[in-house]
């Protein structure tokens, strides 16, 4: 049977061994440095940001398209006026002008009251436009003596040529000098020259 001293000794040895064991195990456990951990985290975050920015492509300026100019065609205004048949028949260019050449019978020819007679005028085209058959002569004033209001030219009259236009009359009942005034009119109904005939009206001859 062990003595009391031996038991105490064994207890001390056992306690010493346990202390040594506990001490050696504690030496292997690393001590966490909080400040070092914070510094490491910060460095890791900065490195990650640097790598991310390097991985991204460098922004380049997008070229802007040069402005293009579209030409605008300006159209001249078109007249909406309706063209009449008279306007269509008007001369393309030039001016209207005329002159009296002769009339047959000549002025101051004597006709008996109620007598029928015909006057033929010779008119020359002194302008630069052609007188077409849409040109006419019309009674304007004086003694009409039964004649028509208008008589159209019988054919086209180029510049520098003449035309003969005939009008039928009846001598009035009252005696004396009678003058009948007429105008030359173009296809636009614009008069541009005036002429006339003068006759003497007498009593009918006694049978």
Foldseek 3Di string as FASTA:
>chain_A
DDDPVVVVVVVVVVVVVVVVVVVVVVVPDDDDDVVVVVVVVVVVVVVVVVVVVVPDDDDDDDDDDDDDDDDDDDDDDDDPDDQDPLNVQFFPDKDWDKDWDAKPPAAAAEDEAFAKDKIKTKMATQIQTKAAQLKWKAWDDWDPQPKDGIDTFPGIHGHPGIGIDMIMHTHHNDWAKTKTKMFIAGSVRHTDDIDIGIYTYDHDDDD
